[in-house]
Amino acid sequence: MNIRITIDGTPVDATLNDSAAARDFAAQLPLTLNLTDFHQNEKIADLPRRLSTSGAPEGVHPRTGDLAYYAPWGNLAIYYRDGSPSTGNDLIILGHMPESATKALADNDEVSVTIEDAS
C-alpha cells in the first residue's frame, strides 16, 4: 500500500508491507501525530489503538527509513538511523520511506507528521 507522510509540511511517499500489523495500521489512516525522539535513532508516537501482531516475524533489524510498530507500548516508530536488532516479535516492520526523507526527523526533537493513504 502506498502512503504519504507529511513531515513538517513536506510530503514523502512511503509504502506499507502486507503484514497484518501494516493492514491494521492502514485502517487507522489518516493520522496526525507528534513524534518525539527516542534513543537518538527513531521518532515515536502512541497510536490511537493497538495493532494486530498476528504472524509477526521473530527478530528484525530496523533500518533508516523503516516504519515500525513496538507492540509492548503500542507505538509507531520511524527510524532516521539504523536501530538495534530485536530478537523477539515485539518490533514489527510496517513499511519504509526513502532514507533521504529522514533528515527532518533527525534535525528536530519533536516533529509533527500526517500519514494518509496515497493510493
C-alpha atoms as a PDB file:
ATOM      1  CA  MET A   1       0.000   0.000   0.000  1.00  0.00           C
ATOM      2  CA  ASN A   2       1.235   3.461  -0.860  1.00  0.00           C
ATOM      3  CA  ILE A   3       1.029   6.101   1.849  1.00  0.00           C
ATOM      4  CA  ARG A   4       2.076   9.723   2.150  1.00  0.00           C
ATOM      5  CA  ILE A   5       3.834  11.042   5.232  1.00  0.00           C
ATOM      6  CA  THR A   6       3.884  14.817   5.542  1.00  0.00           C
ATOM      7  CA  ILE A   7       6.766  15.859   7.779  1.00  0.00           C
ATOM      8  CA  ASP A   8       6.589  19.484   8.858  1.00  0.00           C
ATOM      9  CA  GLY A   9       4.759  20.356   5.631  1.00  0.00           C
ATOM     10  CA  THR A  10       6.915  18.279   3.259  1.00  0.00           C
ATOM     11  CA  PRO A  11       5.162  15.263   1.659  1.00  0.00           C
ATOM     12  CA  VAL A  12       7.083  11.983   1.410  1.00  0.00           C
ATOM     13  CA  ASP A  13       5.895   8.865  -0.405  1.00  0.00           C
ATOM     14  CA  ALA A  14       6.242   5.614   1.532  1.00  0.00           C
ATOM     15  CA  THR A  15       4.970   2.046   1.279  1.00  0.00           C
ATOM     16  CA  LEU A  16       3.468  -0.354   3.766  1.00  0.00           C
ATOM     17  CA  ASN A  17       4.104  -4.086   3.570  1.00  0.00           C
ATOM     18  CA  ASP A  18       1.330  -6.682   3.504  1.00  0.00           C
ATOM     19  CA  SER A  19       1.561  -7.789   7.153  1.00  0.00           C
ATOM     20  CA  ALA A  20      -1.470  -7.955   9.456  1.00  0.00           C
ATOM     21  CA  ALA A  21       0.017  -5.106  11.522  1.00  0.00           C
ATOM     22  CA  ALA A  22       0.524  -2.888   8.442  1.00  0.00           C
ATOM     23  CA  ARG A  23      -3.047  -3.533   7.246  1.00  0.00           C
ATOM     24  CA  ASP A  24      -4.325  -2.691  10.725  1.00  0.00           C
ATOM     25  CA  PHE A  25      -2.215   0.486  10.730  1.00  0.00           C
ATOM     26  CA  ALA A  26      -3.593   1.484   7.308  1.00  0.00           C
ATOM     27  CA  ALA A  27      -7.131   1.128   8.660  1.00  0.00           C
ATOM     28  CA  GLN A  28      -6.338   3.923  11.169  1.00  0.00           C
ATOM     29  CA  LEU A  29      -5.325   6.423   8.486  1.00  0.00           C
ATOM     30  CA  PRO A  30      -5.366   9.371   8.212  1.00  0.00           C
ATOM     31  CA  LEU A  31      -3.397  10.152  11.356  1.00  0.00           C
ATOM     32  CA  THR A  32      -1.729  13.289  12.638  1.00  0.00           C
ATOM     33  CA  LEU A  33       0.940  12.504  15.231  1.00  0.00           C
ATOM     34  CA  ASN A  34       3.528  14.417  17.225  1.00  0.00           C
ATOM     35  CA  LEU A  35       6.691  12.348  17.143  1.00  0.00           C
ATOM     36  CA  THR A  36       9.317  12.643  19.863  1.00  0.00           C
ATOM     37  CA  ASP A  37      12.882  11.440  19.848  1.00  0.00           C
ATOM     38  CA  PHE A  38      13.816   8.064  21.290  1.00  0.00           C
ATOM     39  CA  HIS A  39      17.351   6.629  21.553  1.00  0.00           C
ATOM     40  CA  GLN A  40      18.670   9.184  19.038  1.00  0.00           C
ATOM     41  CA  ASN A  41      17.730   6.925  16.125  1.00  0.00           C
ATOM     42  CA  GLU A  42      13.925   6.965  15.943  1.00  0.00           C
ATOM     43  CA  LYS A  43      10.884   9.143  16.455  1.00  0.00           C
ATOM     44  CA  ILE A  44       7.918   7.616  18.274  1.00  0.00           C
ATOM     45  CA  ALA A  45       4.247   8.364  18.962  1.00  0.00           C
ATOM     46  CA  ASP A  46       1.363   6.486  20.522  1.00  0.00           C
ATOM     47  CA  LEU A  47      -1.245   5.157  18.117  1.00  0.00           C
ATOM     48  CA  PRO A  48      -4.997   5.531  18.749  1.00  0.00           C
ATOM     49  CA  ARG A  49      -5.279   1.767  19.266  1.00  0.00           C
ATOM     50  CA  ARG A  50      -3.037  -1.288  19.283  1.00  0.00           C
ATOM     51  CA  LEU A  51      -2.277  -3.159  16.067  1.00  0.00           C
ATOM     52  CA  SER A  52      -2.614  -6.843  15.276  1.00  0.00           C
ATOM     53  CA  THR A  53       0.597  -8.801  15.832  1.00  0.00           C
ATOM     54  CA  SER A  54      -0.677 -11.912  14.060  1.00  0.00           C
ATOM     55  CA  GLY A  55       2.078 -13.602  12.072  1.00  0.00           C
ATOM     56  CA  ALA A  56       4.764 -11.174  13.256  1.00  0.00           C
ATOM     57  CA  PRO A  57       8.255 -12.478  12.425  1.00  0.00           C
ATOM     58  CA  GLU A  58      10.792 -13.293  15.116  1.00  0.00           C
ATOM     59  CA  GLY A  59      13.670 -10.829  15.110  1.00  0.00           C
ATOM     60  CA  VAL A  60      14.073  -7.757  12.949  1.00  0.00           C
ATOM     61  CA  HIS A  61      16.836  -5.212  12.413  1.00  0.00           C
ATOM     62  CA  PRO A  62      15.256  -1.791  11.770  1.00  0.00           C
ATOM     63  CA  ARG A  63      16.980   0.316   9.137  1.00  0.00           C
ATOM     64  CA  THR A  64      16.934   4.012   8.328  1.00  0.00           C
ATOM     65  CA  GLY A  65      13.538   4.846   6.815  1.00  0.00           C
ATOM     66  CA  ASP A  66      11.673   1.921   8.392  1.00  0.00           C
ATOM     67  CA  LEU A  67       8.238   2.437   9.893  1.00  0.00           C
ATOM     68  CA  ALA A  68       7.728   0.022  12.764  1.00  0.00           C
ATOM     69  CA  TYR A  69       5.282  -0.884  15.498  1.00  0.00           C
ATOM     70  CA  TYR A  70       6.512  -1.576  19.024  1.00  0.00           C
ATOM     71  CA  ALA A  71       3.814  -3.870  20.413  1.00  0.00           C
ATOM     72  CA  PRO A  72       4.543  -3.606  24.176  1.00  0.00           C
ATOM     73  CA  TRP A  73       3.954   0.153  24.148  1.00  0.00           C
ATOM     74  CA  GLY A  74       1.516   0.341  21.220  1.00  0.00           C
ATOM     75  CA  ASN A  75       3.502   2.984  19.387  1.00  0.00           C
ATOM     76  CA  LEU A  76       4.699   3.850  15.915  1.00  0.00           C
ATOM     77  CA  ALA A  77       8.437   4.288  15.373  1.00  0.00           C
ATOM     78  CA  ILE A  78      10.023   5.913  12.332  1.00  0.00           C
ATOM     79  CA  TYR A  79      13.761   5.279  12.126  1.00  0.00           C
ATOM     80  CA  TYR A  80      16.058   8.081  10.995  1.00  0.00           C
ATOM     81  CA  ARG A  81      19.140   5.970  11.799  1.00  0.00           C
ATOM     82  CA  ASP A  82      19.587   2.201  11.858  1.00  0.00           C
ATOM     83  CA  GLY A  83      18.213   0.679  15.068  1.00  0.00           C
ATOM     84  CA  SER A  84      19.350  -2.189  17.236  1.00  0.00           C
ATOM     85  CA  PRO A  85      18.276  -5.712  16.304  1.00  0.00           C
ATOM     86  CA  SER A  86      15.204  -7.021  18.108  1.00  0.00           C
ATOM     87  CA  THR A  87      15.237 -10.752  18.818  1.00  0.00           C
ATOM     88  CA  GLY A  88      11.576 -11.275  19.722  1.00  0.00           C
ATOM     89  CA  ASN A  89       8.420 -10.369  17.869  1.00  0.00           C
ATOM     90  CA  ASP A  90       7.817  -7.138  19.827  1.00  0.00           C
ATOM     91  CA  LEU A  91       9.043  -4.915  16.968  1.00  0.00           C
ATOM     92  CA  ILE A  92       7.205  -5.256  13.671  1.00  0.00           C
ATOM     93  CA  ILE A  93       8.301  -3.500  10.477  1.00  0.00           C
ATOM     94  CA  LEU A  94       5.261  -1.911   8.816  1.00  0.00           C
ATOM     95  CA  GLY A  95       6.878  -0.321   5.780  1.00  0.00           C
ATOM     96  CA  HIS A  96       9.560   2.002   4.521  1.00  0.00           C
ATOM     97  CA  MET A  97      10.175   5.568   3.411  1.00  0.00           C
ATOM     98  CA  PRO A  98      13.211   6.842   1.463  1.00  0.00           C
ATOM     99  CA  GLU A  99      16.277   7.340   3.629  1.00  0.00           C
ATOM    100  CA  SER A 100      16.703  10.805   2.089  1.00  0.00           C
ATOM    101  CA  ALA A 101      13.404  11.869   3.696  1.00  0.00           C
ATOM    102  CA  THR A 102      14.565  11.140   7.243  1.00  0.00           C
ATOM    103  CA  LYS A 103      16.720  14.267   7.643  1.00  0.00           C
ATOM    104  CA  ALA A 104      13.835  16.343   9.032  1.00  0.00           C
ATOM    105  CA  LEU A 105      13.300  13.661  11.665  1.00  0.00           C
ATOM    106  CA  ALA A 106      16.953  13.716  12.717  1.00  0.00           C
ATOM    107  CA  ASP A 107      17.164  17.509  12.838  1.00  0.00           C
ATOM    108  CA  ASN A 108      14.311  18.140  15.312  1.00  0.00           C
ATOM    109  CA  ASP A 109      13.491  16.778  18.778  1.00  0.00           C
ATOM    110  CA  GLU A 110       9.753  16.867  18.049  1.00  0.00           C
ATOM    111  CA  VAL A 111       8.145  16.563  14.632  1.00  0.00           C
ATOM    112  CA  SER A 112       4.521  16.763  13.555  1.00  0.00           C
ATOM    113  CA  VAL A 113       3.523  14.283  10.840  1.00  0.00           C
ATOM    114  CA  THR A 114       0.361  13.469   8.947  1.00  0.00           C
ATOM    115  CA  ILE A 115       0.098   9.970   7.489  1.00  0.00           C
ATOM    116  CA  GLU A 116      -2.529   9.203   4.868  1.00  0.00           C
ATOM    117  CA  ASP A 117      -3.433   6.732   2.156  1.00  0.00           C
ATOM    118  CA  ALA A 118      -1.841   7.744  -1.157  1.00  0.00           C
ATOM    119  CA  SER A 119      -3.363   5.001  -3.326  1.00  0.00           C
END
